[in-house]
N, C-alpha and C. Protein backbone atom coordinates (compact mmCIF):
# COMPACT_ATOMS: atom_id res chain seq x y z
N MET A 1 0.21 -10.49 -1.84
CA MET A 1 0.72 -11.58 -1.04
C MET A 1 -0.34 -12.68 -0.96
N ASN A 2 0.04 -13.93 -1.35
CA ASN A 2 -0.95 -15.00 -1.34
C ASN A 2 -1.18 -15.52 0.07
N ALA A 3 -2.19 -16.39 0.21
CA ALA A 3 -2.58 -16.85 1.54
C ALA A 3 -1.48 -17.67 2.20
N ALA A 4 -0.78 -18.49 1.40
CA ALA A 4 0.28 -19.34 1.97
C ALA A 4 1.42 -18.48 2.52
N THR A 5 1.84 -17.48 1.74
CA THR A 5 2.91 -16.59 2.20
C THR A 5 2.48 -15.82 3.43
N SER A 6 1.24 -15.34 3.42
CA SER A 6 0.72 -14.60 4.57
C SER A 6 0.72 -15.46 5.83
N ALA A 7 0.32 -16.72 5.69
CA ALA A 7 0.30 -17.63 6.83
C ALA A 7 1.70 -17.90 7.34
N GLU A 8 2.64 -18.08 6.41
CA GLU A 8 4.03 -18.32 6.80
C GLU A 8 4.60 -17.12 7.54
N ASN A 9 4.35 -15.92 7.03
CA ASN A 9 4.83 -14.72 7.69
C ASN A 9 4.22 -14.57 9.08
N ASN A 10 2.93 -14.88 9.19
CA ASN A 10 2.25 -14.76 10.48
C ASN A 10 2.85 -15.71 11.51
N GLN A 11 3.13 -16.95 11.07
CA GLN A 11 3.75 -17.91 11.98
C GLN A 11 5.14 -17.46 12.39
N ALA A 12 5.91 -16.96 11.42
CA ALA A 12 7.26 -16.49 11.72
C ALA A 12 7.21 -15.28 12.66
N ASP A 13 6.26 -14.38 12.44
CA ASP A 13 6.10 -13.22 13.32
C ASP A 13 5.81 -13.66 14.75
N LEU A 14 4.88 -14.60 14.87
CA LEU A 14 4.50 -15.07 16.21
C LEU A 14 5.69 -15.70 16.93
N ALA A 15 6.48 -16.50 16.20
CA ALA A 15 7.65 -17.14 16.81
C ALA A 15 8.66 -16.10 17.27
N ASP A 16 8.93 -15.10 16.42
CA ASP A 16 9.89 -14.05 16.79
C ASP A 16 9.39 -13.23 17.96
N ILE A 17 8.10 -12.93 17.97
CA ILE A 17 7.54 -12.12 19.04
C ILE A 17 7.65 -12.85 20.38
N GLU A 18 7.36 -14.14 20.38
CA GLU A 18 7.48 -14.92 21.62
C GLU A 18 8.91 -14.87 22.15
N GLN A 19 9.89 -14.96 21.23
CA GLN A 19 11.29 -14.91 21.66
C GLN A 19 11.66 -13.53 22.19
N VAL A 20 11.17 -12.49 21.53
CA VAL A 20 11.47 -11.13 21.99
C VAL A 20 10.89 -10.91 23.38
N LEU A 21 9.64 -11.31 23.56
CA LEU A 21 8.99 -11.11 24.86
C LEU A 21 9.62 -11.97 25.95
N ALA A 22 10.31 -13.04 25.52
CA ALA A 22 11.01 -13.90 26.48
C ALA A 22 12.40 -13.38 26.81
N GLY A 23 12.79 -12.29 26.15
CA GLY A 23 14.07 -11.68 26.47
C GLY A 23 15.12 -11.75 25.39
N ASP A 24 14.81 -12.37 24.25
CA ASP A 24 15.78 -12.48 23.16
C ASP A 24 15.58 -11.32 22.20
N ALA A 25 16.27 -10.22 22.44
CA ALA A 25 16.08 -9.01 21.64
C ALA A 25 16.47 -9.22 20.17
N LYS A 26 17.41 -10.12 19.92
CA LYS A 26 17.88 -10.32 18.54
C LYS A 26 16.79 -10.90 17.64
N ALA A 27 15.79 -11.53 18.23
CA ALA A 27 14.72 -12.13 17.43
C ALA A 27 13.91 -11.07 16.68
N PHE A 28 13.98 -9.82 17.14
CA PHE A 28 13.25 -8.76 16.46
C PHE A 28 13.82 -8.51 15.07
N GLU A 29 15.07 -8.94 14.84
CA GLU A 29 15.69 -8.77 13.52
C GLU A 29 14.90 -9.51 12.44
N GLY A 30 14.30 -10.64 12.80
CA GLY A 30 13.50 -11.38 11.84
C GLY A 30 12.30 -10.58 11.39
N ILE A 31 11.67 -9.88 12.31
CA ILE A 31 10.52 -9.03 11.97
C ILE A 31 10.95 -7.90 11.04
N VAL A 32 12.10 -7.31 11.35
CA VAL A 32 12.60 -6.22 10.50
C VAL A 32 12.90 -6.73 9.10
N ARG A 33 13.53 -7.89 8.98
CA ARG A 33 13.85 -8.43 7.65
C ARG A 33 12.59 -8.66 6.82
N ARG A 34 11.55 -9.19 7.46
CA ARG A 34 10.32 -9.50 6.73
C ARG A 34 9.57 -8.25 6.28
N TRP A 35 9.56 -7.22 7.12
CA TRP A 35 8.65 -6.10 6.87
C TRP A 35 9.34 -4.79 6.53
N GLN A 36 10.67 -4.79 6.49
CA GLN A 36 11.38 -3.56 6.19
C GLN A 36 11.03 -3.01 4.80
N GLY A 37 11.06 -3.88 3.79
CA GLY A 37 10.74 -3.45 2.44
C GLY A 37 9.34 -2.87 2.32
N PRO A 38 8.30 -3.61 2.76
CA PRO A 38 6.94 -3.07 2.67
C PRO A 38 6.75 -1.76 3.44
N LEU A 39 7.37 -1.63 4.62
CA LEU A 39 7.19 -0.40 5.39
C LEU A 39 7.90 0.78 4.74
N ILE A 40 9.06 0.55 4.15
CA ILE A 40 9.75 1.63 3.44
C ILE A 40 8.96 2.04 2.21
N ASN A 41 8.43 1.07 1.48
CA ASN A 41 7.63 1.38 0.30
C ASN A 41 6.39 2.19 0.68
N MET A 42 5.77 1.78 1.78
CA MET A 42 4.59 2.50 2.25
C MET A 42 4.97 3.93 2.64
N ALA A 43 6.09 4.08 3.35
CA ALA A 43 6.54 5.42 3.76
C ALA A 43 6.86 6.29 2.55
N TRP A 44 7.45 5.68 1.53
CA TRP A 44 7.80 6.46 0.33
C TRP A 44 6.55 7.03 -0.32
N ARG A 45 5.46 6.29 -0.27
CA ARG A 45 4.24 6.80 -0.89
C ARG A 45 3.60 7.90 -0.05
N TYR A 46 4.08 8.07 1.17
CA TYR A 46 3.64 9.22 1.98
C TYR A 46 4.51 10.44 1.68
N CYS A 47 5.83 10.24 1.58
CA CYS A 47 6.73 11.39 1.52
C CYS A 47 7.47 11.53 0.20
N ARG A 48 7.54 10.46 -0.60
CA ARG A 48 8.21 10.46 -1.91
C ARG A 48 9.67 10.86 -1.82
N ASP A 49 10.31 10.49 -0.73
CA ASP A 49 11.74 10.73 -0.54
C ASP A 49 12.33 9.46 0.07
N ARG A 50 13.25 8.81 -0.65
CA ARG A 50 13.75 7.51 -0.21
C ARG A 50 14.43 7.58 1.16
N SER A 51 15.31 8.57 1.36
CA SER A 51 16.02 8.67 2.64
C SER A 51 15.05 8.92 3.79
N ARG A 52 14.11 9.81 3.56
CA ARG A 52 13.14 10.10 4.61
C ARG A 52 12.24 8.89 4.86
N ALA A 53 11.89 8.16 3.80
CA ALA A 53 11.07 6.96 3.96
C ALA A 53 11.77 5.94 4.83
N GLU A 54 13.08 5.78 4.64
CA GLU A 54 13.84 4.83 5.46
C GLU A 54 13.86 5.26 6.92
N GLU A 55 13.99 6.57 7.15
CA GLU A 55 13.98 7.08 8.52
C GLU A 55 12.61 6.87 9.17
N MET A 56 11.56 7.11 8.41
CA MET A 56 10.20 6.95 8.93
C MET A 56 9.92 5.48 9.25
N ALA A 57 10.39 4.58 8.39
CA ALA A 57 10.20 3.15 8.65
C ALA A 57 10.98 2.73 9.89
N GLN A 58 12.18 3.27 10.05
CA GLN A 58 12.99 2.96 11.22
C GLN A 58 12.27 3.40 12.50
N GLU A 59 11.65 4.58 12.45
CA GLU A 59 10.89 5.07 13.61
C GLU A 59 9.70 4.16 13.88
N ALA A 60 9.06 3.66 12.82
CA ALA A 60 7.93 2.75 13.00
C ALA A 60 8.37 1.46 13.69
N PHE A 61 9.51 0.93 13.28
CA PHE A 61 10.02 -0.28 13.92
C PHE A 61 10.38 -0.02 15.38
N LEU A 62 10.92 1.15 15.67
CA LEU A 62 11.26 1.49 17.05
C LEU A 62 9.99 1.55 17.90
N ARG A 63 8.93 2.16 17.35
CA ARG A 63 7.65 2.21 18.09
C ARG A 63 7.08 0.80 18.28
N ALA A 64 7.24 -0.04 17.25
CA ALA A 64 6.74 -1.41 17.36
C ALA A 64 7.51 -2.17 18.44
N TRP A 65 8.81 -1.97 18.49
CA TRP A 65 9.64 -2.62 19.50
C TRP A 65 9.18 -2.22 20.92
N ARG A 66 8.95 -0.93 21.08
CA ARG A 66 8.54 -0.44 22.39
C ARG A 66 7.14 -0.90 22.77
N GLY A 67 6.28 -1.06 21.76
CA GLY A 67 4.89 -1.39 22.07
C GLY A 67 4.52 -2.84 21.85
N LEU A 68 5.52 -3.68 21.62
CA LEU A 68 5.23 -5.07 21.26
C LEU A 68 4.41 -5.79 22.33
N SER A 69 4.68 -5.51 23.58
CA SER A 69 3.95 -6.19 24.65
C SER A 69 2.49 -5.75 24.72
N HIS A 70 2.15 -4.67 24.04
CA HIS A 70 0.77 -4.17 24.07
C HIS A 70 -0.07 -4.68 22.91
N TRP A 71 0.56 -5.44 21.99
CA TRP A 71 -0.22 -6.01 20.89
C TRP A 71 -1.21 -7.02 21.45
N ARG A 72 -2.49 -6.81 21.18
CA ARG A 72 -3.54 -7.64 21.79
C ARG A 72 -3.87 -8.90 21.00
N ARG A 73 -3.25 -9.07 19.82
CA ARG A 73 -3.45 -10.26 18.99
C ARG A 73 -4.89 -10.41 18.53
N GLU A 74 -5.58 -9.28 18.40
CA GLU A 74 -6.95 -9.32 17.88
C GLU A 74 -6.96 -9.41 16.36
N SER A 75 -5.84 -9.09 15.74
CA SER A 75 -5.67 -9.22 14.30
C SER A 75 -4.24 -9.70 14.07
N SER A 76 -3.85 -9.88 12.81
CA SER A 76 -2.50 -10.34 12.53
C SER A 76 -1.49 -9.28 12.97
N PHE A 77 -0.28 -9.73 13.25
CA PHE A 77 0.77 -8.80 13.65
C PHE A 77 1.03 -7.78 12.55
N SER A 78 1.01 -8.22 11.29
CA SER A 78 1.29 -7.30 10.19
C SER A 78 0.25 -6.19 10.12
N THR A 79 -1.01 -6.50 10.40
CA THR A 79 -2.05 -5.47 10.41
C THR A 79 -1.76 -4.44 11.50
N TRP A 80 -1.39 -4.94 12.68
CA TRP A 80 -1.03 -4.05 13.79
C TRP A 80 0.17 -3.20 13.42
N LEU A 81 1.18 -3.82 12.79
CA LEU A 81 2.40 -3.10 12.42
C LEU A 81 2.11 -2.02 11.39
N PHE A 82 1.31 -2.33 10.38
CA PHE A 82 1.00 -1.34 9.36
C PHE A 82 0.16 -0.21 9.93
N ALA A 83 -0.75 -0.52 10.86
CA ALA A 83 -1.55 0.53 11.49
C ALA A 83 -0.66 1.46 12.30
N LEU A 84 0.28 0.87 13.04
CA LEU A 84 1.22 1.67 13.81
C LEU A 84 2.06 2.55 12.89
N ALA A 85 2.54 1.95 11.79
CA ALA A 85 3.36 2.70 10.83
C ALA A 85 2.58 3.85 10.22
N ALA A 86 1.32 3.61 9.86
CA ALA A 86 0.50 4.66 9.27
C ALA A 86 0.37 5.84 10.22
N ASN A 87 0.20 5.56 11.50
CA ASN A 87 0.10 6.64 12.49
C ASN A 87 1.42 7.40 12.61
N VAL A 88 2.54 6.66 12.58
CA VAL A 88 3.86 7.30 12.64
C VAL A 88 4.05 8.20 11.43
N TYR A 89 3.69 7.71 10.25
CA TYR A 89 3.91 8.48 9.03
C TYR A 89 3.04 9.73 9.01
N ARG A 90 1.78 9.60 9.46
CA ARG A 90 0.91 10.77 9.50
C ARG A 90 1.48 11.84 10.45
N SER A 91 1.91 11.39 11.61
CA SER A 91 2.48 12.32 12.60
C SER A 91 3.72 13.01 12.05
N GLU A 92 4.55 12.24 11.33
CA GLU A 92 5.77 12.80 10.76
C GLU A 92 5.44 13.86 9.72
N LEU A 93 4.43 13.62 8.92
CA LEU A 93 4.06 14.59 7.89
C LEU A 93 3.42 15.84 8.48
N LYS A 94 2.78 15.70 9.63
CA LYS A 94 2.23 16.88 10.31
C LYS A 94 3.37 17.76 10.83
N ARG A 95 4.43 17.10 11.33
CA ARG A 95 5.58 17.85 11.86
C ARG A 95 6.38 18.51 10.74
N PHE A 96 6.60 17.77 9.68
CA PHE A 96 7.38 18.27 8.55
C PHE A 96 6.63 17.95 7.26
N PRO A 97 5.69 18.82 6.88
CA PRO A 97 4.86 18.53 5.71
C PRO A 97 5.67 18.40 4.43
N VAL A 98 5.13 17.60 3.53
CA VAL A 98 5.72 17.43 2.20
C VAL A 98 4.98 18.33 1.23
N GLU A 99 5.72 18.95 0.32
CA GLU A 99 5.06 19.74 -0.71
C GLU A 99 4.34 18.79 -1.65
N THR A 100 3.02 18.85 -1.64
CA THR A 100 2.22 17.95 -2.45
C THR A 100 1.67 18.67 -3.68
N LEU A 101 1.90 18.09 -4.83
CA LEU A 101 1.37 18.66 -6.05
C LEU A 101 -0.13 18.44 -6.08
N PRO A 102 -0.94 19.51 -6.17
CA PRO A 102 -2.39 19.33 -6.22
C PRO A 102 -2.79 18.44 -7.39
N LEU A 103 -3.86 17.69 -7.21
CA LEU A 103 -4.29 16.76 -8.25
C LEU A 103 -4.55 17.48 -9.56
N GLU A 104 -5.14 18.68 -9.47
CA GLU A 104 -5.47 19.39 -10.71
C GLU A 104 -4.21 19.89 -11.42
N ALA A 105 -3.10 19.96 -10.68
CA ALA A 105 -1.85 20.44 -11.30
C ALA A 105 -0.96 19.30 -11.79
N ALA A 106 -1.32 18.08 -11.45
CA ALA A 106 -0.52 16.93 -11.87
C ALA A 106 -0.66 16.74 -13.37
N PRO A 107 0.45 16.47 -14.06
CA PRO A 107 0.37 16.34 -15.52
C PRO A 107 -0.34 15.07 -15.94
N GLU A 108 -1.04 15.16 -17.05
CA GLU A 108 -1.69 13.99 -17.63
C GLU A 108 -0.61 13.03 -18.08
N PRO A 109 -0.70 11.73 -17.71
CA PRO A 109 0.31 10.77 -18.17
C PRO A 109 0.41 10.77 -19.68
N ALA A 110 1.64 10.72 -20.17
CA ALA A 110 1.86 10.73 -21.61
C ALA A 110 1.37 9.44 -22.23
N GLY A 111 1.12 9.48 -23.52
CA GLY A 111 0.69 8.27 -24.23
C GLY A 111 1.74 7.18 -24.10
N LEU A 112 1.30 5.95 -24.01
CA LEU A 112 2.20 4.84 -23.78
C LEU A 112 2.77 4.29 -25.08
N ALA A 113 4.01 3.81 -24.99
CA ALA A 113 4.61 3.13 -26.13
C ALA A 113 3.98 1.75 -26.25
N THR A 114 3.58 1.36 -27.44
CA THR A 114 2.91 0.08 -27.62
C THR A 114 3.71 -0.88 -28.48
N GLN A 115 4.85 -0.43 -29.02
CA GLN A 115 5.60 -1.31 -29.90
C GLN A 115 6.34 -2.40 -29.12
N HIS A 116 6.61 -2.15 -27.84
CA HIS A 116 7.27 -3.14 -27.00
C HIS A 116 6.45 -3.31 -25.73
N ASN A 117 5.87 -4.47 -25.54
CA ASN A 117 4.95 -4.68 -24.42
C ASN A 117 5.61 -4.44 -23.07
N GLU A 118 6.86 -4.89 -22.92
CA GLU A 118 7.53 -4.75 -21.62
C GLU A 118 7.73 -3.28 -21.27
N LEU A 119 8.17 -2.49 -22.25
CA LEU A 119 8.35 -1.05 -22.01
C LEU A 119 7.01 -0.39 -21.73
N ALA A 120 6.00 -0.75 -22.48
CA ALA A 120 4.67 -0.17 -22.29
C ALA A 120 4.13 -0.49 -20.90
N ALA A 121 4.38 -1.72 -20.44
CA ALA A 121 3.91 -2.11 -19.10
C ALA A 121 4.58 -1.25 -18.03
N GLN A 122 5.89 -1.01 -18.17
CA GLN A 122 6.61 -0.20 -17.19
C GLN A 122 6.11 1.24 -17.20
N LEU A 123 5.88 1.78 -18.39
CA LEU A 123 5.37 3.15 -18.48
C LEU A 123 3.99 3.26 -17.87
N SER A 124 3.16 2.25 -18.09
CA SER A 124 1.81 2.26 -17.53
C SER A 124 1.88 2.22 -16.01
N GLN A 125 2.75 1.36 -15.48
CA GLN A 125 2.90 1.26 -14.04
C GLN A 125 3.33 2.59 -13.45
N ASP A 126 4.31 3.25 -14.07
CA ASP A 126 4.78 4.54 -13.57
C ASP A 126 3.69 5.60 -13.64
N ALA A 127 2.90 5.57 -14.71
CA ALA A 127 1.83 6.55 -14.86
C ALA A 127 0.79 6.40 -13.76
N VAL A 128 0.44 5.16 -13.45
CA VAL A 128 -0.53 4.90 -12.39
C VAL A 128 0.00 5.40 -11.05
N ARG A 129 1.26 5.10 -10.75
CA ARG A 129 1.82 5.51 -9.46
C ARG A 129 1.89 7.02 -9.33
N ARG A 130 2.27 7.71 -10.40
CA ARG A 130 2.31 9.17 -10.34
C ARG A 130 0.92 9.73 -10.10
N ALA A 131 -0.07 9.14 -10.74
CA ALA A 131 -1.44 9.62 -10.56
C ALA A 131 -1.89 9.42 -9.12
N VAL A 132 -1.58 8.26 -8.54
CA VAL A 132 -1.98 7.97 -7.16
C VAL A 132 -1.30 8.94 -6.19
N LEU A 133 -0.02 9.25 -6.42
CA LEU A 133 0.70 10.15 -5.52
C LEU A 133 0.15 11.57 -5.54
N ALA A 134 -0.60 11.90 -6.58
CA ALA A 134 -1.21 13.23 -6.66
C ALA A 134 -2.51 13.31 -5.87
N LEU A 135 -3.04 12.18 -5.41
CA LEU A 135 -4.29 12.18 -4.64
C LEU A 135 -4.08 12.81 -3.27
N PRO A 136 -5.09 13.45 -2.71
CA PRO A 136 -5.02 13.89 -1.31
C PRO A 136 -4.77 12.68 -0.40
N LEU A 137 -4.07 12.88 0.71
CA LEU A 137 -3.64 11.78 1.56
C LEU A 137 -4.80 10.90 2.02
N ARG A 138 -5.95 11.49 2.32
CA ARG A 138 -7.08 10.71 2.85
C ARG A 138 -7.58 9.69 1.84
N TYR A 139 -7.36 9.97 0.55
CA TYR A 139 -7.75 9.02 -0.50
C TYR A 139 -6.56 8.16 -0.94
N ARG A 140 -5.37 8.72 -0.85
CA ARG A 140 -4.18 7.99 -1.26
C ARG A 140 -3.92 6.80 -0.34
N GLU A 141 -4.09 6.98 0.98
CA GLU A 141 -3.82 5.90 1.93
C GLU A 141 -4.63 4.64 1.62
N PRO A 142 -5.96 4.72 1.47
CA PRO A 142 -6.71 3.50 1.15
C PRO A 142 -6.27 2.85 -0.15
N VAL A 143 -5.96 3.67 -1.17
CA VAL A 143 -5.52 3.12 -2.46
C VAL A 143 -4.21 2.37 -2.31
N VAL A 144 -3.27 2.96 -1.57
CA VAL A 144 -1.96 2.32 -1.38
C VAL A 144 -2.11 0.98 -0.68
N LEU A 145 -2.91 0.93 0.37
CA LEU A 145 -3.05 -0.32 1.13
C LEU A 145 -3.84 -1.37 0.36
N PHE A 146 -4.94 -0.95 -0.27
CA PHE A 146 -5.83 -1.92 -0.93
C PHE A 146 -5.24 -2.44 -2.23
N TYR A 147 -4.66 -1.55 -3.03
CA TYR A 147 -4.17 -1.98 -4.33
C TYR A 147 -2.68 -2.36 -4.31
N PHE A 148 -1.83 -1.46 -3.81
CA PHE A 148 -0.40 -1.72 -3.89
C PHE A 148 0.07 -2.74 -2.86
N HIS A 149 -0.51 -2.71 -1.65
CA HIS A 149 -0.13 -3.69 -0.63
C HIS A 149 -1.08 -4.87 -0.59
N GLU A 150 -2.09 -4.87 -1.46
CA GLU A 150 -3.01 -5.99 -1.65
C GLU A 150 -3.70 -6.43 -0.36
N MET A 151 -4.02 -5.46 0.52
CA MET A 151 -4.82 -5.78 1.69
C MET A 151 -6.28 -5.88 1.27
N ASP A 152 -7.05 -6.72 1.98
CA ASP A 152 -8.48 -6.71 1.71
C ASP A 152 -9.11 -5.52 2.44
N VAL A 153 -10.39 -5.30 2.20
CA VAL A 153 -11.06 -4.12 2.77
C VAL A 153 -10.98 -4.13 4.29
N ALA A 154 -11.22 -5.29 4.90
CA ALA A 154 -11.23 -5.37 6.36
C ALA A 154 -9.86 -5.02 6.94
N ALA A 155 -8.80 -5.58 6.36
CA ALA A 155 -7.45 -5.32 6.88
C ALA A 155 -7.05 -3.87 6.67
N ALA A 156 -7.36 -3.32 5.49
CA ALA A 156 -7.02 -1.92 5.23
C ALA A 156 -7.79 -0.99 6.17
N ALA A 157 -9.05 -1.31 6.42
CA ALA A 157 -9.85 -0.48 7.32
C ALA A 157 -9.29 -0.53 8.75
N ARG A 158 -8.90 -1.74 9.20
CA ARG A 158 -8.30 -1.85 10.53
C ARG A 158 -6.99 -1.08 10.61
N THR A 159 -6.20 -1.16 9.56
CA THR A 159 -4.91 -0.47 9.53
C THR A 159 -5.09 1.04 9.67
N LEU A 160 -6.09 1.57 9.00
CA LEU A 160 -6.32 3.02 9.02
C LEU A 160 -7.26 3.45 10.14
N GLY A 161 -7.80 2.48 10.89
CA GLY A 161 -8.67 2.81 12.01
C GLY A 161 -9.98 3.45 11.60
N MET A 162 -10.60 2.92 10.55
CA MET A 162 -11.87 3.47 10.09
C MET A 162 -12.84 2.35 9.76
N PRO A 163 -14.12 2.62 9.72
CA PRO A 163 -15.10 1.60 9.33
C PRO A 163 -14.86 1.15 7.89
N GLU A 164 -15.25 -0.09 7.60
CA GLU A 164 -15.08 -0.60 6.25
C GLU A 164 -15.86 0.22 5.23
N GLY A 165 -17.04 0.68 5.62
CA GLY A 165 -17.84 1.50 4.72
C GLY A 165 -17.12 2.79 4.34
N THR A 166 -16.43 3.39 5.30
CA THR A 166 -15.68 4.62 5.03
C THR A 166 -14.53 4.34 4.06
N LEU A 167 -13.84 3.22 4.28
CA LEU A 167 -12.75 2.87 3.39
C LEU A 167 -13.25 2.66 1.96
N LYS A 168 -14.36 1.93 1.82
CA LYS A 168 -14.91 1.70 0.48
C LYS A 168 -15.31 3.01 -0.18
N ALA A 169 -15.88 3.92 0.62
CA ALA A 169 -16.29 5.21 0.07
C ALA A 169 -15.08 6.00 -0.41
N ARG A 170 -13.98 5.93 0.34
CA ARG A 170 -12.78 6.68 -0.07
C ARG A 170 -12.12 6.05 -1.29
N LEU A 171 -12.16 4.73 -1.39
CA LEU A 171 -11.64 4.07 -2.59
C LEU A 171 -12.46 4.50 -3.81
N SER A 172 -13.78 4.54 -3.63
CA SER A 172 -14.65 4.95 -4.72
C SER A 172 -14.38 6.40 -5.12
N ARG A 173 -14.20 7.26 -4.12
CA ARG A 173 -13.92 8.66 -4.40
C ARG A 173 -12.57 8.82 -5.09
N ALA A 174 -11.59 8.03 -4.67
CA ALA A 174 -10.26 8.09 -5.29
C ALA A 174 -10.35 7.71 -6.76
N ARG A 175 -11.10 6.66 -7.07
CA ARG A 175 -11.25 6.25 -8.46
C ARG A 175 -11.95 7.34 -9.28
N THR A 176 -12.94 7.98 -8.66
CA THR A 176 -13.66 9.05 -9.36
C THR A 176 -12.72 10.22 -9.65
N LEU A 177 -11.91 10.61 -8.68
CA LEU A 177 -10.97 11.71 -8.87
C LEU A 177 -9.98 11.39 -9.98
N LEU A 178 -9.46 10.15 -9.97
CA LEU A 178 -8.50 9.75 -11.00
C LEU A 178 -9.15 9.72 -12.37
N ARG A 179 -10.38 9.23 -12.43
CA ARG A 179 -11.10 9.15 -13.70
C ARG A 179 -11.36 10.55 -14.26
N GLN A 180 -11.72 11.48 -13.38
CA GLN A 180 -12.02 12.83 -13.83
C GLN A 180 -10.76 13.58 -14.26
N ARG A 181 -9.69 13.42 -13.48
CA ARG A 181 -8.47 14.17 -13.77
C ARG A 181 -7.64 13.55 -14.88
N PHE A 182 -7.66 12.20 -14.96
CA PHE A 182 -6.82 11.51 -15.94
C PHE A 182 -7.66 10.58 -16.80
N PRO A 183 -8.56 11.11 -17.62
CA PRO A 183 -9.42 10.24 -18.43
C PRO A 183 -8.64 9.33 -19.36
N ARG A 184 -7.48 9.80 -19.85
CA ARG A 184 -6.70 8.98 -20.77
C ARG A 184 -6.08 7.78 -20.07
N LEU A 185 -5.81 7.93 -18.78
CA LEU A 185 -5.22 6.82 -18.03
C LEU A 185 -6.14 5.62 -18.00
N GLU A 186 -7.44 5.86 -17.82
CA GLU A 186 -8.40 4.76 -17.81
C GLU A 186 -8.42 4.07 -19.17
N GLU A 187 -8.38 4.85 -20.24
CA GLU A 187 -8.40 4.26 -21.57
C GLU A 187 -7.16 3.40 -21.79
N GLU A 188 -6.00 3.89 -21.33
CA GLU A 188 -4.76 3.14 -21.51
C GLU A 188 -4.76 1.87 -20.70
N GLN A 189 -5.31 1.95 -19.47
CA GLN A 189 -5.36 0.75 -18.63
C GLN A 189 -6.27 -0.31 -19.25
N ASP A 190 -7.37 0.14 -19.87
CA ASP A 190 -8.32 -0.80 -20.47
C ASP A 190 -7.76 -1.45 -21.73
N SER A 191 -7.00 -0.68 -22.52
CA SER A 191 -6.54 -1.18 -23.82
C SER A 191 -5.16 -1.79 -23.77
N HIS A 192 -4.45 -1.62 -22.64
CA HIS A 192 -3.05 -2.04 -22.59
C HIS A 192 -2.93 -3.56 -22.65
N PRO A 193 -1.99 -4.10 -23.46
CA PRO A 193 -1.85 -5.56 -23.58
C PRO A 193 -1.49 -6.24 -22.28
N SER A 194 -0.80 -5.53 -21.38
CA SER A 194 -0.40 -6.16 -20.13
C SER A 194 -1.57 -6.40 -19.20
N ARG A 195 -2.74 -5.77 -19.50
CA ARG A 195 -3.92 -5.99 -18.66
C ARG A 195 -4.33 -7.45 -18.69
N LYS A 196 -3.96 -8.17 -19.76
CA LYS A 196 -4.34 -9.56 -19.88
C LYS A 196 -3.40 -10.47 -19.09
N ASP A 197 -2.33 -9.92 -18.59
CA ASP A 197 -1.34 -10.71 -17.89
C ASP A 197 -1.52 -10.54 -16.39
N LYS A 198 -1.89 -11.59 -15.68
CA LYS A 198 -2.19 -11.48 -14.25
C LYS A 198 -0.95 -11.11 -13.45
N ASN A 199 0.21 -11.62 -13.85
CA ASN A 199 1.42 -11.29 -13.13
C ASN A 199 1.73 -9.81 -13.25
N ALA A 200 1.57 -9.25 -14.44
CA ALA A 200 1.80 -7.81 -14.62
C ALA A 200 0.83 -7.02 -13.77
N ALA A 201 -0.41 -7.49 -13.68
CA ALA A 201 -1.41 -6.77 -12.88
C ALA A 201 -0.98 -6.73 -11.42
N ARG A 202 -0.46 -7.83 -10.90
CA ARG A 202 -0.05 -7.85 -9.51
C ARG A 202 1.16 -6.95 -9.28
N MET A 203 1.98 -6.74 -10.32
CA MET A 203 3.19 -5.97 -10.16
C MET A 203 2.95 -4.46 -10.19
N GLY A 204 1.75 -4.03 -10.49
CA GLY A 204 1.55 -2.58 -10.41
C GLY A 204 0.53 -2.00 -11.35
N HIS A 205 -0.45 -2.79 -11.74
CA HIS A 205 -1.52 -2.27 -12.57
C HIS A 205 -2.84 -2.38 -11.82
N PRO A 206 -3.00 -1.67 -10.70
CA PRO A 206 -4.22 -1.77 -9.91
C PRO A 206 -5.44 -1.35 -10.72
N ASP A 207 -6.52 -2.10 -10.53
CA ASP A 207 -7.74 -1.86 -11.30
C ASP A 207 -8.58 -0.79 -10.60
N PHE A 208 -8.19 0.47 -10.77
CA PHE A 208 -8.84 1.55 -10.06
C PHE A 208 -10.29 1.74 -10.48
N TYR A 209 -10.64 1.29 -11.66
CA TYR A 209 -11.91 1.69 -12.23
C TYR A 209 -13.00 0.66 -12.08
N ASN A 210 -12.72 -0.45 -11.44
CA ASN A 210 -13.74 -1.45 -11.19
C ASN A 210 -14.25 -1.34 -9.76
N ASP A 211 -15.43 -1.86 -9.53
CA ASP A 211 -16.06 -1.83 -8.22
C ASP A 211 -15.22 -2.58 -7.20
N VAL A 212 -15.17 -2.07 -5.96
CA VAL A 212 -14.39 -2.70 -4.89
C VAL A 212 -14.86 -4.13 -4.66
N HIS A 213 -16.15 -4.37 -4.73
CA HIS A 213 -16.67 -5.72 -4.49
C HIS A 213 -16.14 -6.69 -5.53
N ALA A 214 -16.06 -6.25 -6.79
CA ALA A 214 -15.52 -7.10 -7.84
C ALA A 214 -14.04 -7.37 -7.60
N GLN A 215 -13.33 -6.34 -7.17
CA GLN A 215 -11.90 -6.50 -6.89
C GLN A 215 -11.70 -7.48 -5.73
N GLU A 216 -12.53 -7.37 -4.70
CA GLU A 216 -12.45 -8.28 -3.56
C GLU A 216 -12.72 -9.71 -4.00
N ALA A 217 -13.71 -9.89 -4.87
CA ALA A 217 -14.05 -11.24 -5.35
C ALA A 217 -12.88 -11.85 -6.10
N ARG A 218 -12.19 -11.04 -6.90
CA ARG A 218 -11.05 -11.57 -7.64
C ARG A 218 -9.92 -11.95 -6.69
N LYS A 219 -9.69 -11.14 -5.65
CA LYS A 219 -8.64 -11.47 -4.70
C LYS A 219 -8.96 -12.76 -3.96
N GLU A 220 -10.24 -12.92 -3.59
CA GLU A 220 -10.65 -14.14 -2.87
C GLU A 220 -10.49 -15.36 -3.77
N ALA A 221 -10.84 -15.22 -5.04
CA ALA A 221 -10.72 -16.35 -5.98
C ALA A 221 -9.29 -16.74 -6.22
N ALA A 222 -8.36 -15.76 -6.07
CA ALA A 222 -6.94 -16.04 -6.32
C ALA A 222 -6.29 -16.73 -5.15
N ARG A 223 -6.95 -16.72 -3.98
CA ARG A 223 -6.33 -17.32 -2.79
C ARG A 223 -6.40 -18.84 -2.84
């Protein structure tokens, strides 16, 4: 999400929140429309079940509705909402755990088709996502927020309620685990023609193997 879109969403969130707190309950629908997709996608990466992800996102919105008056505005509303959702999703998984395939048991992504760039890009994207879903939750959460939801380190750390140093350490550990378990994936990401396309990169080719500081610098330069 670019800076202009983020600013627009923040302004729209603030306007809807003021109306909700003033007694206009229907204004909350604007918040749901803006953030329903991202929250469902985030929930899916926790549980990998579309129906359950929708239910978990609905519960997150219900908690947000109930706690809206307690938002202290110390950060953006979206950061507060994602932090609340992350807590809801963790609690839900504690109550009803998901069978998680251990990282060592996850299959090595198959070799990518290179004769058609579009097909190869889709296969690469799917391979990356499958690899990420095999990570333990403590490492998967930072990767999902930093790479897939394109949060910066500070926002991702606030969302997960941890120091920035801890988040960076977990991102580094996640990349190490992926590199060790899926060595071919790194080679494919480096050699893939879609790596040269910035739009393809934003659509799902997170650069797991580069330093977080370099990734942050690129995000800042793109703003």
